Protein backbone atom coordinates (compact mmCIF):
# COMPACT_ATOMS: atom_id res chain seq x y z
CA MET A 1 -0.09 -0.02 -0.01
CA ALA A 2 1.44 3.14 -1.03
CA ILE A 3 1.87 5.94 1.55
CA GLU A 4 1.13 9.47 0.62
CA PRO A 5 4.50 11.51 0.47
CA ASN A 6 2.99 14.51 2.68
CA LEU A 7 1.35 12.42 5.07
CA PHE A 8 4.03 12.61 7.83
CA ASP A 9 4.27 16.18 7.11
CA ARG A 10 0.53 16.81 7.86
CA VAL A 11 0.81 14.56 10.85
CA GLY A 12 3.61 16.41 12.44
CA THR A 13 2.03 19.87 11.67
CA ASP A 14 -1.09 18.74 13.50
CA ILE A 15 0.82 17.43 16.30
CA GLU A 16 2.63 20.97 16.50
CA LYS A 17 -0.67 22.73 16.28
CA SER A 18 -2.27 20.62 19.04
CA GLN A 19 0.79 21.32 21.27
CA ARG A 20 0.94 24.99 20.45
CA ILE A 21 0.33 27.14 23.73
CA VAL A 22 -2.56 29.77 23.31
CA ARG A 23 -1.19 33.39 23.50
CA PRO A 24 -2.63 34.97 26.71
CA SER A 25 -5.09 37.90 26.37
CA LEU A 26 -3.78 41.27 27.49
CA THR A 27 -3.93 42.18 31.03
CA TYR A 28 -6.01 45.23 32.10
CA TRP A 29 -2.89 47.30 32.43
CA GLN A 30 -1.37 46.25 29.27
CA ASP A 31 -4.58 46.82 27.31
CA ALA A 32 -4.80 50.23 29.00
CA TRP A 33 -1.06 51.11 27.73
CA ARG A 34 -1.85 49.84 24.40
CA ARG A 35 -4.85 52.10 24.07
CA LEU A 36 -2.89 55.09 25.62
CA LYS A 37 -0.14 54.60 23.07
CA MET A 38 -2.69 55.10 20.32
CA ASN A 39 -3.58 58.54 21.73
CA LYS A 40 -0.94 60.71 19.91
CA MET A 41 -2.00 63.73 22.08
CA ALA A 42 -1.60 61.83 25.34
CA MET A 43 1.79 60.32 24.33
CA VAL A 44 3.04 63.78 23.12
CA SER A 45 1.95 65.38 26.52
CA LEU A 46 3.67 62.43 28.60
CA ILE A 47 6.95 63.13 26.54
CA VAL A 48 6.64 67.01 27.27
CA LEU A 49 6.01 66.14 31.03
CA GLY A 50 9.20 63.87 30.84
CA ILE A 51 11.11 66.76 29.29
CA ILE A 52 9.96 69.23 31.87
CA VAL A 53 10.64 67.11 34.87
CA THR A 54 14.22 66.06 33.40
CA MET A 55 15.12 69.88 32.96
CA ALA A 56 13.82 70.47 36.25
CA VAL A 57 16.45 68.00 37.70
CA ILE A 58 19.24 68.82 35.25
CA GLY A 59 18.70 72.25 34.10
CA PRO A 60 20.08 74.44 36.68
CA HIS A 61 23.27 72.39 36.24
CA LEU A 62 23.67 73.32 32.57
CA ARG A 63 24.74 76.94 33.41
CA PRO A 64 27.61 78.03 35.39
CA PHE A 65 25.31 80.08 37.70
CA SER A 66 23.34 79.37 40.84
CA PHE A 67 19.86 80.49 41.38
CA SER A 68 21.17 83.31 43.55
CA ASP A 69 24.14 84.63 41.72
CA GLN A 70 23.92 88.31 40.95
CA ASP A 71 25.71 90.09 38.00
CA LEU A 72 25.00 93.74 38.24
CA TYR A 73 26.75 94.42 34.99
CA ALA A 74 23.96 92.26 33.43
CA VAL A 75 20.75 93.49 34.91
CA PHE A 76 17.67 93.08 32.64
CA SER A 77 19.77 91.62 29.87
CA PRO A 78 17.56 90.04 27.25
CA PRO A 79 18.00 86.34 26.08
CA ASN A 80 21.51 86.01 24.67
CA ALA A 81 24.19 83.34 24.35
CA GLU A 82 25.36 83.64 27.93
CA HIS A 83 22.06 84.03 29.50
CA TRP A 84 19.60 81.90 27.56
CA PHE A 85 16.54 83.28 29.15
CA GLY A 86 17.93 86.54 29.97
CA THR A 87 18.28 88.13 33.58
CA ASP A 88 16.19 89.93 36.05
CA SER A 89 16.39 93.16 37.95
CA LEU A 90 19.41 91.91 40.15
CA GLY A 91 21.21 90.23 36.95
CA ARG A 92 20.28 86.67 38.15
CA ASP A 93 20.26 84.19 35.41
CA LEU A 94 16.47 83.45 34.57
CA PHE A 95 17.24 80.20 32.86
CA VAL A 96 18.66 78.60 36.21
CA ARG A 97 15.75 80.17 38.07
CA VAL A 98 13.01 79.01 36.02
CA TRP A 99 14.32 75.39 36.36
CA MET A 100 14.92 75.86 40.15
CA GLY A 101 11.20 77.00 40.37
CA ALA A 102 10.06 74.11 38.46
CA ARG A 103 11.17 71.93 41.14
CA VAL A 104 9.57 73.75 43.75
CA SER A 105 6.21 74.01 41.79
CA LEU A 106 6.29 70.35 40.71
CA ARG A 107 7.21 69.22 44.29
CA ILE A 108 4.20 71.21 45.71
CA GLY A 109 1.96 70.01 42.96
CA ILE A 110 2.78 66.37 43.29
CA ALA A 111 2.61 66.60 47.08
CA ALA A 112 -0.40 68.20 47.43
CA ALA A 113 -2.21 65.94 44.66
CA LEU A 114 -0.87 62.64 46.59
CA LEU A 115 -2.20 63.91 49.68
CA ASP A 116 -5.42 64.74 48.59
CA ILE A 117 -5.68 61.16 46.80
CA LEU A 118 -4.66 59.26 50.10
CA ILE A 119 -6.85 61.18 52.27
CA GLY A 120 -9.84 61.22 50.02
CA MET A 121 -9.44 57.37 49.11
CA LEU A 122 -9.39 56.70 52.82
CA TYR A 123 -12.12 58.87 53.83
CA GLY A 124 -14.52 58.20 51.02
CA GLY A 125 -13.71 54.34 51.18
CA ILE A 126 -14.75 54.18 54.84
CA SER A 127 -17.78 56.34 54.33
CA GLY A 128 -19.10 54.58 51.37
CA TYR A 129 -18.51 50.97 52.77
CA ILE A 130 -19.88 51.55 56.31
CA GLY A 131 -22.81 53.44 55.10
CA GLY A 132 -25.93 54.44 57.14
CA GLN A 133 -25.62 57.07 59.90
CA THR A 134 -21.74 57.22 59.80
CA ASP A 135 -21.92 57.77 56.11
CA ASN A 136 -24.40 60.71 56.67
CA ILE A 137 -22.10 62.43 59.35
CA MET A 138 -19.09 62.02 57.43
CA MET A 139 -20.51 63.41 54.17
CA ARG A 140 -21.93 66.44 56.15
CA ILE A 141 -18.30 66.88 57.34
CA VAL A 142 -17.42 67.16 53.63
CA ASP A 143 -20.18 69.55 52.91
CA ILE A 144 -18.80 71.93 55.77
CA LEU A 145 -15.25 71.78 54.65
CA TYR A 146 -16.26 72.36 51.07
CA ALA A 147 -18.19 75.34 51.90
CA ILE A 148 -14.97 77.11 53.57
CA PRO A 149 -13.56 79.48 51.19
CA TYR A 150 -10.03 78.23 50.14
CA MET A 151 -8.50 81.61 50.55
CA ILE A 152 -9.34 82.16 54.08
CA ILE A 153 -7.71 78.84 55.22
CA VAL A 154 -4.50 79.98 53.24
CA ILE A 155 -4.49 83.22 54.96
CA LEU A 156 -4.97 81.77 58.25
CA LEU A 157 -2.16 79.32 57.75
CA MET A 158 0.16 82.11 56.51
CA ILE A 159 -0.46 83.84 59.93
CA VAL A 160 0.18 80.83 61.98
CA MET A 161 2.88 79.06 60.00
CA GLU A 162 6.10 80.14 58.23
CA PRO A 163 5.36 80.64 54.72
CA GLY A 164 6.90 78.26 52.41
CA GLU A 165 6.51 74.94 50.58
CA LEU A 166 5.07 73.09 53.55
CA THR A 167 2.42 75.66 54.54
CA LEU A 168 1.22 75.50 50.92
CA ILE A 169 0.82 71.82 50.64
CA ILE A 170 -0.98 71.82 53.87
CA ALA A 171 -3.36 74.69 52.82
CA MET A 172 -4.13 72.87 49.58
CA SER A 173 -4.58 69.46 51.33
CA ILE A 174 -6.98 70.78 54.08
CA THR A 175 -9.89 70.90 51.61
CA GLY A 176 -8.51 69.61 48.50
CA TRP A 177 -9.43 65.95 49.24
CA VAL A 178 -13.24 66.56 49.65
CA GLY A 179 -13.82 66.08 46.00
CA THR A 180 -11.65 62.80 45.77
CA ALA A 181 -13.74 61.72 48.86
CA ARG A 182 -17.01 62.15 47.09
CA LEU A 183 -15.76 60.33 43.98
CA VAL A 184 -14.62 57.37 45.86
CA ARG A 185 -17.55 57.12 47.90
CA GLY A 186 -19.67 57.08 44.84
CA GLN A 187 -17.45 54.20 43.41
CA VAL A 188 -17.52 52.21 46.77
CA LEU A 189 -21.24 52.38 46.83
CA GLN A 190 -21.40 50.72 43.59
CA LEU A 191 -18.62 47.95 44.32
CA LYS A 192 -19.75 46.83 47.84
CA GLU A 193 -22.75 45.11 46.29
CA GLN A 194 -20.62 43.14 43.57
CA GLU A 195 -20.20 39.48 44.00
CA PHE A 196 -16.50 39.53 44.90
CA VAL A 197 -16.96 41.96 47.85
CA LEU A 198 -20.16 39.65 49.17
CA ALA A 199 -17.91 36.69 48.67
CA ALA A 200 -15.03 38.22 50.72
CA ARG A 201 -17.52 39.37 53.47
CA ALA A 202 -18.88 35.88 53.82
CA LEU A 203 -15.26 34.50 54.17
CA GLY A 204 -15.03 36.73 57.12
CA ALA A 205 -12.66 39.36 55.71
CA SER A 206 -12.30 42.47 57.88
CA PRO A 207 -13.92 45.73 56.38
CA TRP A 208 -10.37 47.31 56.35
CA ARG A 209 -9.03 44.38 54.21
CA ILE A 210 -12.13 44.54 51.90
CA ILE A 211 -11.61 48.02 51.35
CA THR A 212 -7.96 48.11 50.73
CA ARG A 213 -7.60 44.88 49.11
CA HIS A 214 -10.60 44.42 47.05
CA MET A 215 -12.34 47.80 46.27
CA PHE A 216 -9.23 50.10 46.13
CA PRO A 217 -7.54 48.17 43.29
CA ASN A 218 -10.75 48.49 41.36
CA ILE A 219 -10.95 52.29 41.50
CA LEU A 220 -7.11 52.77 41.14
CA GLY A 221 -7.38 53.73 37.47
CA ILE A 222 -10.01 56.51 38.27
CA MET A 223 -7.53 57.76 41.15
CA ILE A 224 -4.68 57.85 38.57
CA VAL A 225 -6.87 60.21 36.40
CA GLN A 226 -7.91 62.18 39.26
CA MET A 227 -4.30 62.73 40.16
CA THR A 228 -3.42 63.87 36.65
CA MET A 229 -6.13 66.50 37.23
CA ASP A 230 -5.28 67.43 40.79
CA ILE A 231 -1.51 68.21 40.02
CA PRO A 232 -2.11 71.12 37.41
CA ALA A 233 -4.68 72.34 39.76
CA ALA A 234 -2.21 72.47 42.71
CA ILE A 235 0.34 73.90 40.60
CA PHE A 236 -1.87 76.70 39.39
CA SER A 237 -2.81 77.30 43.02
CA GLU A 238 0.71 77.82 43.91
CA ALA A 239 1.47 80.00 41.20
CA PHE A 240 -1.64 82.16 42.06
CA LEU A 241 -0.70 82.31 45.65
CA SER A 242 2.80 83.27 44.98
CA TYR A 243 1.63 85.85 42.31
CA ILE A 244 -0.38 87.56 45.08
CA GLY A 245 2.40 87.51 47.67
CA LEU A 246 1.00 84.35 49.80
CA GLY A 247 3.39 81.70 48.48
CA ILE A 248 7.07 81.27 47.93
CA LYS A 249 8.95 84.17 49.27
CA LEU A 250 12.41 85.53 48.01
CA PRO A 251 15.06 84.66 47.55
CA ASN A 252 13.64 81.32 46.78
CA ALA A 253 11.81 81.00 43.38
CA SER A 254 8.63 79.13 41.96
CA TRP A 255 6.95 79.73 38.65
CA GLY A 256 4.45 81.78 40.48
CA SER A 257 6.76 84.20 42.17
CA LEU A 258 8.69 84.49 38.94
CA ALA A 259 5.58 85.35 36.99
CA SER A 260 4.61 87.81 39.79
CA ASP A 261 7.91 89.52 39.53
CA GLY A 262 7.85 89.38 35.81
CA ILE A 263 4.45 91.11 35.56
CA ARG A 264 5.82 94.58 36.74
CA GLN A 265 8.20 94.70 33.89
CA VAL A 266 5.99 93.08 31.13
CA VAL A 267 6.12 95.96 28.57
CA SER A 268 9.63 96.77 28.67
CA ARG A 269 11.19 93.36 29.71
CA PRO A 270 8.47 90.80 28.48
CA TRP A 271 11.01 87.69 28.81
CA LEU A 272 10.73 87.78 32.68
CA LEU A 273 7.00 86.81 32.31
CA ILE A 274 6.98 84.79 29.24
CA PHE A 275 9.29 82.18 30.15
CA PRO A 276 7.58 81.06 33.62
CA ALA A 277 4.08 81.70 32.32
CA LEU A 278 5.08 79.54 29.39
CA PHE A 279 6.03 76.45 31.46
CA ILE A 280 2.97 76.83 33.82
CA SER A 281 0.97 76.74 30.91
CA LEU A 282 2.51 74.08 29.13
CA THR A 283 2.63 71.88 32.25
CA MET A 284 -1.03 72.34 32.96
CA LEU A 285 -2.09 71.53 29.48
CA ALA A 286 0.10 68.36 29.22
CA PHE A 287 -1.38 67.07 32.40
CA ASN A 288 -4.83 67.66 31.49
CA LEU A 289 -4.33 66.18 27.99
CA LEU A 290 -2.66 63.22 29.57
CA GLY A 291 -5.45 62.91 32.16
CA ASP A 292 -8.04 62.83 28.93
CA GLY A 293 -6.05 59.99 27.44
CA LEU A 294 -5.66 58.12 30.80
CA ARG A 295 -9.42 58.57 31.37
CA ASP A 296 -10.22 56.93 27.88
CA ALA A 297 -7.52 54.16 28.31
CA LEU A 298 -8.56 52.99 31.79
CA ASP A 299 -12.21 53.02 30.96
CA PRO A 300 -13.11 49.16 31.11
CA LYS A 301 -15.90 49.83 28.57
CA MET A 302 -13.49 50.66 26.08
CA ARG A 303 -11.37 47.37 26.59
CA SER A 304 -11.13 45.21 23.31
């Protein structure tokens, strides 16, 4: 009986196919990263933010000046080969001061946003999970804090505490977390009736474990998006407070204090305002566009 020449080849191919391992599907975070990479504006914003953070770290070291060095022979010099961003009223190099100010503004913005997220997640998670009268009392406290004018808190803290980064971070965090708490509470109210939460409760898991191990991971994506919105808001608040004289004090510099100093010379020496205002606007725009991209990428409804 003649054997078909390609029989063994086909059998070998069938065996290889049967032994082939099925490629696992993308995880939630891998799929979110894939969708984020497809959003060109979000990726450009991520690159811009990476450049700004990198320059905040290495920028002051690119020039042979410190942020406080004065050159009275180069007062109000426009941008040139020696002073790339020009100089201010005391002959200080604006390039160095802008990137030193970036460190201060970014530190305040990120620290305030992290505190807002941390406090808001804990407070809103506990309130939403416990529910009942406890939830009503905790939410009324949130309503009271939300009604207190933000500027009054800042002014009171400036009277009691030494003006500086820590005071600004505390002032922003006292009422800044209430919006996050409301958002987390709403998510927890939806999640606590899900099957996996009911199963954990039936197995005897403590409320703290259910909140931290089962609920928080499911709202982490929303909190990441919220943080990308809180950081530019905190940066703008710092810039505004420094602009009106309630923020960073001289000789220290932030983008807000530099803009405040430059507005007085905007007609005759516009570079003093243009550069700090440009980086404030660019940073806020990049964070907002990145937040929009993350919101779409982390939305489970859009997962393929």
